[in-house]
PDB file of N, CA and C in Angstrom:
ATOM      1  N   MET A   1     115.798  90.314 119.514  1.00  0.00           N
ATOM      2  CA  MET A   1     115.677  91.437 118.565  1.00  0.00           C
ATOM      3  C   MET A   1     114.205  91.820 118.393  1.00  0.00           C
ATOM      4  N   TRP A   2     113.960  93.099 118.124  1.00  0.00           N
ATOM      5  CA  TRP A   2     112.586  93.562 117.989  1.00  0.00           C
ATOM      6  C   TRP A   2     112.122  93.406 116.543  1.00  0.00           C
ATOM      7  N   ASP A   3     110.924  92.890 116.370  1.00  0.00           N
ATOM      8  CA  ASP A   3     110.368  92.725 115.014  1.00  0.00           C
ATOM      9  C   ASP A   3     109.266  93.752 114.775  1.00  0.00           C
ATOM     10  N   ALA A   4     109.274  94.375 113.618  1.00  0.00           N
ATOM     11  CA  ALA A   4     108.259  95.391 113.306  1.00  0.00           C
ATOM     12  C   ALA A   4     106.872  94.755 113.265  1.00  0.00           C
ATOM     13  N   THR A   5     106.817  93.457 112.971  1.00  0.00           N
ATOM     14  CA  THR A   5     105.517  92.780 112.883  1.00  0.00           C
ATOM     15  C   THR A   5     104.875  92.640 114.265  1.00  0.00           C
ATOM     16  N   MET A   6     105.694  92.649 115.298  1.00  0.00           N
ATOM     17  CA  MET A   6     105.154  92.491 116.656  1.00  0.00           C
ATOM     18  C   MET A   6     104.598  93.822 117.154  1.00  0.00           C
ATOM     19  N   ALA A   7     103.568  93.746 117.986  1.00  0.00           N
ATOM     20  CA  ALA A   7     102.971  94.968 118.524  1.00  0.00           C
ATOM     21  C   ALA A   7     103.901  95.544 119.594  1.00  0.00           C
ATOM     22  N   PRO A   8     103.843  96.854 119.832  1.00  0.00           N
ATOM     23  CA  PRO A   8     104.708  97.485 120.838  1.00  0.00           C
ATOM     24  C   PRO A   8     104.409  96.926 122.219  1.00  0.00           C
ATOM     25  N   PRO A   9     105.416  96.795 123.085  1.00  0.00           N
ATOM     26  CA  PRO A   9     105.218  96.256 124.429  1.00  0.00           C
ATOM     27  C   PRO A   9     104.327  97.170 125.258  1.00  0.00           C
ATOM     28  N   PRO A  10     103.530  96.612 126.176  1.00  0.00           N
ATOM     29  CA  PRO A  10     102.640  97.422 127.007  1.00  0.00           C
ATOM     30  C   PRO A  10     103.459  98.289 127.966  1.00  0.00           C
ATOM     31  N   PRO A  11     102.954  99.456 128.347  1.00  0.00           N
ATOM     32  CA  PRO A  11     103.673 100.344 129.263  1.00  0.00           C
ATOM     33  C   PRO A  11     103.865  99.681 130.617  1.00  0.00           C
ATOM     34  N   GLU A  12     105.016  99.901 131.247  1.00  0.00           N
ATOM     35  CA  GLU A  12     105.271  99.289 132.557  1.00  0.00           C
ATOM     36  C   GLU A  12     104.370  99.917 133.622  1.00  0.00           C
ATOM     37  N   PRO A  13     103.777  99.100 134.488  1.00  0.00           N
ATOM     38  CA  PRO A  13     102.901  99.620 135.538  1.00  0.00           C
ATOM     39  C   PRO A  13     103.708 100.419 136.563  1.00  0.00           C
ATOM     40  N   PRO A  14     103.089 101.370 137.251  1.00  0.00           N
ATOM     41  CA  PRO A  14     103.781 102.175 138.259  1.00  0.00           C
ATOM     42  C   PRO A  14     104.232 101.314 139.428  1.00  0.00           C
ATOM     43  N   ASP A  15     105.205 101.794 140.189  1.00  0.00           N
ATOM     44  CA  ASP A  15     105.705 101.038 141.348  1.00  0.00           C
ATOM     45  C   ASP A  15     104.573 100.726 142.321  1.00  0.00           C
ATOM     46  N   VAL A  16     103.657 101.653 142.480  1.00  0.00           N
ATOM     47  CA  VAL A  16     102.543 101.450 143.414  1.00  0.00           C
ATOM     48  C   VAL A  16     101.740 100.222 142.991  1.00  0.00           C
ATOM     49  N   SER A  17     101.528 100.087 141.684  1.00  0.00           N
ATOM     50  CA  SER A  17     100.748  98.947 141.186  1.00  0.00           C
ATOM     51  C   SER A  17     101.488  97.653 141.508  1.00  0.00           C
ATOM     52  N   ARG A  18     102.813  97.673 141.355  1.00  0.00           N
ATOM     53  CA  ARG A  18     103.600  96.465 141.630  1.00  0.00           C
ATOM     54  C   ARG A  18     103.478  96.082 143.101  1.00  0.00           C
ATOM     55  N   ARG A  19     103.472  97.076 143.980  1.00  0.00           N
ATOM     56  CA  ARG A  19     103.356  96.771 145.416  1.00  0.00           C
ATOM     57  C   ARG A  19     102.007  96.135 145.708  1.00  0.00           C
ATOM     58  N   ALA A  20     100.969  96.601 145.012  1.00  0.00           N
ATOM     59  CA  ALA A  20      99.624  96.052 145.230  1.00  0.00           C
ATOM     60  C   ALA A  20      99.629  94.556 144.897  1.00  0.00           C
ATOM     61  N   VAL A  21     100.401  94.196 143.878  1.00  0.00           N
ATOM     62  CA  VAL A  21     100.470  92.789 143.475  1.00  0.00           C
ATOM     63  C   VAL A  21     101.361  92.065 144.476  1.00  0.00           C
TER      64      VAL A  21
END
């Protein structure tokens, strides 16, 4: 479950970035 106290999740990296990894 999501808690308001927690910071928002970071944006997902683009597919290109994933391929680089």
